[in-house]
Amino acid sequence: MRRGSDAGGRERSAPRAPRVRLVALALAAVAGACSSPSSPSVPPGPASGPPRAAEFDAAEPWTRLSPPIVFAQAVHSDFACGPAALATALAAEGGAVGAAVVELGDAAVAHTITAHGSASSETYGDRPRFDPASGTCAEDLLAWLDDWRAEYELAPRAGLYLDRRADESALDFAARVHGTLVDSLRAGAAPVVRLRSFAPQYDPQRGAYLWVGLAGHWVVVVGAPSALRAGARGFAFEYADPATGAIASGWLHAEDTRPFAAAKGNARDWVWLTGNPFLLATVPEQPTLALATPPWFLRTIVTLDHALVAAPETLPLETPRPETLPLETLPPER
């Protein structure tokens, strides 16, 4: 993923939003494609970096789906993170569609780009869903996934922007997004989610720093704690990353200390949101979000802004997941 694209690749700059005192707004790259190292798809192995979730299982039971293979975008092109993520999610889903994807192996990415990514974009109209120079936007990726699953007579998925609701507390915000991801995992649908990076950039004409988009990238959430700790504003998660063809670990949290703004939408239809509108992601193993591009002294952030999940009617009728775990059930800190 690099600068300038939409929902899967290089994010493209768009008109800047009005200035907001110290934190002025600017249009981010409204995209979601991805650039990647040249690594082939491989069966998931141990994640490096932060401790794996399994190390915490005694204290925090996790809900997981285990994909038999993590598809790498590099087997096709730099901006194929979206289709590679869909292939991984369907492999994790299992059944006839999962078996078919696994049987195709690395060819699954090129197959779906030809079979489904070549259809006309629901968002842009004048181009295919998959743009080799920018990737795939959220709305098109949902239609793409539904078309692929329909070949096996499977129900549509839901596409959700995960922005913060008016007057929603950090605790409630984190719990709502956590619940959305875990409920989908429980329903057998690994959430395909988009990470977007932003940074401030000085605009000499306005005499202020403006938020700008850096990159967007699609990954697949394959694990998260089954319940949140009482009072938690964040949680760990595991994801299959098309940029590396491997499983990695990260952290999501609701930010209330330092304000930020971020764009919601695609390159044709967007809006800038203030008030810390998305969960922030810490993903130290993710190499394609252009976080090293701005000068070292400028702040960079990564948001979790969109998810493709099990549609509400396909979720289990009963989900025994409590919203929080009582503090007394957790081991003492050491």
Protein backbone atom coordinates (compact mmCIF):
# COMPACT_ATOMS: atom_id res chain seq x y z
CA MET A 1 0.00 0.00 0.00
CA ARG A 2 1.37 3.41 -0.74
CA ARG A 3 0.34 6.99 -1.05
CA GLY A 4 -2.82 7.73 -2.97
CA SER A 5 -5.50 5.13 -3.76
CA ASP A 6 -8.89 3.84 -2.67
CA ALA A 7 -9.86 0.90 -0.43
CA GLY A 8 -6.99 -1.37 -1.20
CA GLY A 9 -4.03 0.45 -2.66
CA ARG A 10 -2.31 3.75 -2.92
CA GLU A 11 -4.41 6.45 -1.52
CA ARG A 12 -5.07 9.37 -3.76
CA SER A 13 -5.22 12.91 -2.55
CA ALA A 14 -8.55 14.75 -2.82
CA PRO A 15 -9.68 18.29 -2.02
CA ARG A 16 -8.78 19.37 1.44
CA ALA A 17 -11.38 19.98 4.09
CA PRO A 18 -11.88 23.27 5.94
CA ARG A 19 -9.28 24.31 8.48
CA VAL A 20 -10.00 23.40 12.10
CA ARG A 21 -7.70 25.48 14.32
CA LEU A 22 -4.60 23.46 15.21
CA VAL A 23 -5.92 20.28 13.71
CA ALA A 24 -7.03 21.30 10.23
CA LEU A 25 -8.44 18.70 7.95
CA ALA A 26 -7.29 17.52 4.59
CA LEU A 27 -8.51 14.77 2.35
CA ALA A 28 -6.88 11.45 2.90
CA ALA A 29 -6.11 8.91 0.34
CA VAL A 30 -9.50 7.30 0.26
CA ALA A 31 -8.48 3.83 -0.73
CA GLY A 32 -7.58 0.34 0.28
CA ALA A 33 -5.05 -1.26 -2.04
CA CYS A 34 -1.65 -2.38 -1.03
CA SER A 35 1.97 -2.67 -1.98
CA SER A 36 3.86 -5.67 -0.73
CA PRO A 37 7.14 -7.48 -0.51
CA SER A 38 7.46 -10.34 -2.96
CA SER A 39 6.40 -13.17 -0.65
CA PRO A 40 4.25 -16.07 -1.89
CA SER A 41 1.17 -17.31 -0.09
CA VAL A 42 2.15 -19.71 2.67
CA PRO A 43 0.39 -21.65 5.41
CA PRO A 44 0.20 -19.39 8.49
CA GLY A 45 3.13 -19.74 10.85
CA PRO A 46 4.00 -18.18 14.19
CA ALA A 47 3.77 -14.40 14.28
CA SER A 48 6.87 -12.48 15.21
CA GLY A 49 6.96 -9.25 17.19
CA PRO A 50 4.40 -8.80 19.99
CA PRO A 51 3.44 -11.82 22.12
CA ARG A 52 1.03 -14.14 20.37
CA ALA A 53 -2.50 -14.24 21.69
CA ALA A 54 -2.05 -17.85 22.74
CA GLU A 55 0.21 -16.64 25.53
CA PHE A 56 -2.76 -14.90 27.11
CA ASP A 57 -5.34 -17.64 26.57
CA ALA A 58 -5.29 -18.81 30.17
CA ALA A 59 -6.59 -15.41 31.23
CA GLU A 60 -8.52 -14.39 28.13
CA PRO A 61 -10.23 -17.05 26.02
CA TRP A 62 -10.09 -16.12 22.34
CA THR A 63 -12.45 -16.63 19.43
CA ARG A 64 -10.56 -17.71 16.31
CA LEU A 65 -10.85 -18.92 12.77
CA SER A 66 -7.74 -20.56 11.34
CA PRO A 67 -7.22 -20.12 7.59
CA PRO A 68 -5.38 -23.10 6.08
CA ILE A 69 -3.47 -20.64 3.91
CA VAL A 70 -2.77 -16.90 4.02
CA PHE A 71 -2.83 -15.57 0.47
CA ALA A 72 -0.17 -13.02 -0.43
CA GLN A 73 -0.97 -10.14 -2.74
CA ALA A 74 2.52 -10.34 -4.26
CA VAL A 75 1.52 -13.41 -6.27
CA HIS A 76 -0.47 -10.98 -8.42
CA SER A 77 0.43 -7.31 -7.89
CA ASP A 78 1.16 -4.59 -5.34
CA PHE A 79 -2.47 -3.56 -5.00
CA ALA A 80 -4.10 -6.98 -4.75
CA CYS A 81 -4.50 -6.94 -0.97
CA GLY A 82 -8.30 -6.82 -1.28
CA PRO A 83 -8.76 -9.98 -3.39
CA ALA A 84 -6.00 -11.76 -1.45
CA ALA A 85 -7.84 -10.94 1.79
CA LEU A 86 -11.11 -12.27 0.36
CA ALA A 87 -9.41 -15.53 -0.64
CA THR A 88 -7.97 -15.95 2.86
CA ALA A 89 -11.34 -15.22 4.50
CA LEU A 90 -13.13 -17.77 2.30
CA ALA A 91 -10.45 -20.38 2.98
CA ALA A 92 -11.04 -19.82 6.71
CA GLU A 93 -14.81 -20.10 6.18
CA GLY A 94 -14.45 -23.67 4.93
CA GLY A 95 -17.19 -25.62 3.19
CA ALA A 96 -17.32 -25.94 -0.57
CA VAL A 97 -16.11 -22.39 -1.21
CA GLY A 98 -13.21 -22.78 1.19
CA ALA A 99 -12.17 -26.07 -0.37
CA ALA A 100 -12.31 -24.56 -3.87
CA VAL A 101 -10.15 -21.61 -2.87
CA VAL A 102 -7.56 -23.82 -1.18
CA GLU A 103 -7.46 -26.13 -4.21
CA LEU A 104 -6.69 -23.16 -6.47
CA GLY A 105 -3.78 -22.13 -4.24
CA ASP A 106 -1.96 -18.97 -5.30
CA ALA A 107 -3.96 -18.97 -8.54
CA ALA A 108 -7.05 -18.05 -6.48
CA VAL A 109 -6.03 -14.38 -6.41
CA ALA A 110 -5.66 -14.06 -10.19
CA HIS A 111 -8.79 -16.17 -10.68
CA THR A 112 -11.02 -13.92 -8.61
CA ILE A 113 -9.58 -10.74 -10.09
CA THR A 114 -10.53 -12.03 -13.54
CA ALA A 115 -13.86 -13.55 -12.53
CA HIS A 116 -15.13 -10.90 -10.10
CA GLY A 117 -12.74 -7.95 -10.06
CA SER A 118 -13.30 -7.26 -13.76
CA ALA A 119 -16.98 -6.46 -13.21
CA SER A 120 -17.97 -2.81 -13.44
CA SER A 121 -17.39 -0.82 -10.26
CA GLU A 122 -20.55 -0.13 -8.27
CA THR A 123 -18.84 3.01 -6.97
CA TYR A 124 -17.02 4.48 -9.95
CA GLY A 125 -18.93 2.96 -12.87
CA ASP A 126 -16.34 3.87 -15.49
CA ARG A 127 -13.77 1.32 -14.36
CA PRO A 128 -13.59 -2.29 -13.08
CA ARG A 129 -13.85 -3.10 -9.39
CA PHE A 130 -10.14 -3.89 -9.31
CA ASP A 131 -7.79 -1.11 -10.38
CA PRO A 132 -4.18 -2.35 -10.67
CA ALA A 133 -2.97 1.19 -9.89
CA SER A 134 -5.04 1.74 -6.75
CA GLY A 135 -6.79 -1.44 -5.60
CA THR A 136 -10.43 -1.79 -4.57
CA CYS A 137 -12.73 0.43 -2.53
CA ALA A 138 -14.89 -0.89 0.31
CA GLU A 139 -18.20 -0.85 -1.54
CA ASP A 140 -16.79 -2.75 -4.51
CA LEU A 141 -15.03 -5.31 -2.31
CA LEU A 142 -18.35 -6.16 -0.61
CA ALA A 143 -20.09 -6.69 -3.98
CA TRP A 144 -17.08 -8.75 -5.10
CA LEU A 145 -17.29 -11.00 -2.01
CA ASP A 146 -21.06 -11.45 -2.39
CA ASP A 147 -20.68 -12.45 -6.04
CA TRP A 148 -17.99 -15.00 -5.17
CA ARG A 149 -20.06 -16.52 -2.36
CA ALA A 150 -23.25 -16.51 -4.48
CA GLU A 151 -21.61 -19.06 -6.79
CA TYR A 152 -21.93 -21.46 -3.83
CA GLU A 153 -25.44 -20.26 -2.89
CA LEU A 154 -24.16 -18.51 0.23
CA ALA A 155 -25.81 -15.48 1.83
CA PRO A 156 -24.45 -11.95 1.31
CA ARG A 157 -22.12 -10.33 3.82
CA ALA A 158 -22.53 -6.91 5.44
CA GLY A 159 -20.22 -3.95 4.81
CA LEU A 160 -19.92 -1.59 7.78
CA TYR A 161 -18.11 1.67 8.40
CA LEU A 162 -16.86 1.46 11.98
CA ASP A 163 -17.01 5.14 12.88
CA ARG A 164 -17.83 6.40 16.34
CA ARG A 165 -21.43 7.34 17.09
CA ALA A 166 -22.43 10.73 18.48
CA ASP A 167 -21.80 10.91 22.23
CA GLU A 168 -20.48 7.33 22.28
CA SER A 169 -17.97 6.81 25.09
CA ALA A 170 -14.60 5.24 24.43
CA LEU A 171 -15.65 2.18 26.44
CA ASP A 172 -18.85 1.70 24.45
CA PHE A 173 -17.11 2.38 21.15
CA ALA A 174 -14.41 -0.24 21.77
CA ALA A 175 -17.02 -2.74 23.00
CA ARG A 176 -19.23 -2.23 19.93
CA VAL A 177 -16.44 -2.76 17.40
CA HIS A 178 -15.09 -5.69 19.40
CA GLY A 179 -18.54 -7.26 19.46
CA THR A 180 -18.95 -6.81 15.71
CA LEU A 181 -15.67 -8.61 15.00
CA VAL A 182 -16.16 -11.42 17.51
CA ASP A 183 -19.77 -12.07 16.52
CA SER A 184 -18.68 -12.44 12.91
CA LEU A 185 -15.88 -14.83 13.87
CA ARG A 186 -18.41 -16.87 15.86
CA ALA A 187 -20.67 -17.01 12.81
CA GLY A 188 -17.80 -18.49 10.77
CA ALA A 189 -17.01 -15.29 8.84
CA ALA A 190 -13.50 -13.93 9.30
CA PRO A 191 -13.89 -10.11 9.10
CA VAL A 192 -12.12 -8.50 6.16
CA VAL A 193 -11.13 -5.08 7.49
CA ARG A 194 -9.41 -1.99 6.14
CA LEU A 195 -6.56 -0.20 7.83
CA ARG A 196 -5.91 3.42 6.79
CA SER A 197 -2.97 5.59 7.74
CA PHE A 198 -2.92 9.38 8.15
CA ALA A 199 -0.40 12.07 9.06
CA PRO A 200 -0.35 15.87 9.34
CA GLN A 201 1.15 17.89 6.51
CA TYR A 202 1.98 21.59 6.63
CA ASP A 203 0.04 23.76 4.19
CA PRO A 204 1.86 27.09 3.72
CA GLN A 205 -1.18 28.69 2.07
CA ARG A 206 -3.31 28.05 5.14
CA GLY A 207 -0.46 28.35 7.62
CA ALA A 208 -1.58 25.17 9.38
CA TYR A 209 -1.03 21.45 9.52
CA LEU A 210 -3.70 19.45 7.69
CA TRP A 211 -4.46 15.76 8.03
CA VAL A 212 -3.70 13.83 4.85
CA GLY A 213 -4.13 10.18 3.95
CA LEU A 214 -1.08 7.99 3.43
CA ALA A 215 -2.29 4.51 2.52
CA GLY A 216 -5.01 1.90 2.88
CA HIS A 217 -4.67 -1.87 3.30
CA TRP A 218 -7.06 -4.84 3.59
CA VAL A 219 -6.37 -7.57 6.15
CA VAL A 220 -8.39 -10.43 7.67
CA VAL A 221 -9.14 -10.58 11.40
CA VAL A 222 -8.70 -14.21 12.48
CA GLY A 223 -8.75 -13.88 16.26
CA ALA A 224 -9.74 -11.62 19.15
CA PRO A 225 -10.52 -12.00 22.87
CA SER A 226 -13.95 -13.56 23.37
CA ALA A 227 -14.77 -10.86 25.91
CA LEU A 228 -13.31 -7.53 27.00
CA ARG A 229 -11.86 -6.81 30.39
CA ALA A 230 -13.98 -4.52 32.51
CA GLY A 231 -13.18 -0.92 31.64
CA ALA A 232 -11.14 -1.85 28.55
CA ARG A 233 -10.83 0.75 25.81
CA GLY A 234 -8.90 -1.59 23.56
CA PHE A 235 -8.06 -5.19 22.76
CA ALA A 236 -5.49 -7.34 21.01
CA PHE A 237 -6.27 -9.02 17.72
CA GLU A 238 -4.66 -11.35 15.21
CA TYR A 239 -4.88 -10.80 11.48
CA ALA A 240 -3.85 -12.48 8.25
CA ASP A 241 -1.83 -9.96 6.26
CA PRO A 242 -1.75 -10.18 2.44
CA ALA A 243 1.40 -8.02 2.45
CA THR A 244 3.44 -10.74 4.16
CA GLY A 245 1.39 -13.90 3.63
CA ALA A 246 1.50 -14.51 7.40
CA ILE A 247 -0.43 -14.10 10.65
CA ALA A 248 0.45 -11.00 12.70
CA SER A 249 -0.65 -9.45 16.00
CA GLY A 250 -1.90 -5.95 16.73
CA TRP A 251 -3.84 -3.76 19.15
CA LEU A 252 -7.02 -1.71 18.63
CA HIS A 253 -8.16 1.06 20.96
CA ALA A 254 -10.47 4.05 21.27
CA GLU A 255 -8.40 7.24 21.55
CA ASP A 256 -9.57 10.07 23.79
CA THR A 257 -6.26 11.69 24.76
CA ARG A 258 -4.99 13.18 21.49
CA PRO A 259 -7.55 14.40 18.94
CA PHE A 260 -7.40 13.36 15.30
CA ALA A 261 -9.55 13.51 12.18
CA ALA A 262 -9.92 10.92 9.44
CA ALA A 263 -11.75 10.49 6.15
CA LYS A 264 -14.74 8.17 5.70
CA GLY A 265 -15.77 6.97 2.26
CA ASN A 266 -14.12 6.47 -1.11
CA ALA A 267 -12.31 8.67 -3.61
CA ARG A 268 -15.60 9.81 -5.16
CA ASP A 269 -17.76 10.23 -2.07
CA TRP A 270 -16.11 11.08 1.24
CA VAL A 271 -16.48 13.11 4.39
CA TRP A 272 -13.97 14.20 7.01
CA LEU A 273 -14.83 13.17 10.54
CA THR A 274 -13.51 14.78 13.71
CA GLY A 275 -13.84 13.65 17.32
CA ASN A 276 -11.47 10.65 17.12
CA PRO A 277 -13.87 8.86 14.77
CA PHE A 278 -12.30 5.39 14.43
CA LEU A 279 -10.43 2.90 16.56
CA LEU A 280 -6.68 3.32 16.23
CA ALA A 281 -4.57 0.31 15.33
CA THR A 282 -1.03 -0.52 16.43
CA VAL A 283 0.34 -2.95 13.85
CA PRO A 284 4.14 -3.05 14.17
CA GLU A 285 4.47 -6.00 11.79
CA GLN A 286 2.58 -4.29 8.94
CA PRO A 287 5.02 -3.00 6.27
CA THR A 288 2.81 -1.24 3.69
CA LEU A 289 1.06 1.67 5.42
CA ALA A 290 3.71 4.29 4.55
CA LEU A 291 4.25 5.23 8.19
CA ALA A 292 7.92 6.00 7.57
CA THR A 293 7.11 8.43 4.75
CA PRO A 294 6.45 11.62 6.81
CA PRO A 295 9.31 13.29 8.70
CA TRP A 296 10.12 11.53 11.99
CA PHE A 297 8.73 14.37 14.12
CA LEU A 298 5.22 14.22 12.64
CA ARG A 299 2.50 12.10 14.19
CA THR A 300 1.19 9.13 12.20
CA ILE A 301 -1.96 7.13 12.96
CA VAL A 302 -3.59 3.97 11.62
CA THR A 303 -7.38 3.62 11.74
CA LEU A 304 -9.69 0.62 11.45
CA ASP A 305 -12.45 2.13 9.35
CA HIS A 306 -14.40 -0.57 7.50
CA ALA A 307 -15.29 -4.26 7.87
CA LEU A 308 -16.94 -6.96 5.79
CA VAL A 309 -18.66 -9.25 8.30
CA ALA A 310 -21.45 -11.79 8.66
CA ALA A 311 -24.79 -10.15 7.95
CA PRO A 312 -26.92 -9.69 11.10
CA GLU A 313 -29.44 -12.35 10.04
CA THR A 314 -26.64 -14.93 9.76
CA LEU A 315 -25.25 -14.29 13.23
CA PRO A 316 -26.01 -16.86 15.96
CA LEU A 317 -29.39 -16.30 17.63
CA GLU A 318 -27.74 -16.62 21.01
CA THR A 319 -24.34 -15.11 21.69
CA PRO A 320 -23.34 -15.82 25.29
CA ARG A 321 -20.52 -13.30 25.03
CA PRO A 322 -20.62 -10.90 28.00
CA GLU A 323 -19.66 -7.33 27.19
CA THR A 324 -16.93 -7.41 29.85
CA LEU A 325 -15.11 -9.84 32.09
CA PRO A 326 -15.21 -8.98 35.82
CA LEU A 327 -11.81 -7.79 36.96
CA GLU A 328 -11.72 -10.41 39.74
CA THR A 329 -11.62 -13.22 37.14
CA LEU A 330 -8.25 -12.05 35.85
CA PRO A 331 -4.87 -13.03 37.33
CA PRO A 332 -2.95 -10.39 39.31
CA GLU A 333 -0.42 -8.26 37.47
CA ARG A 334 3.16 -9.31 37.99
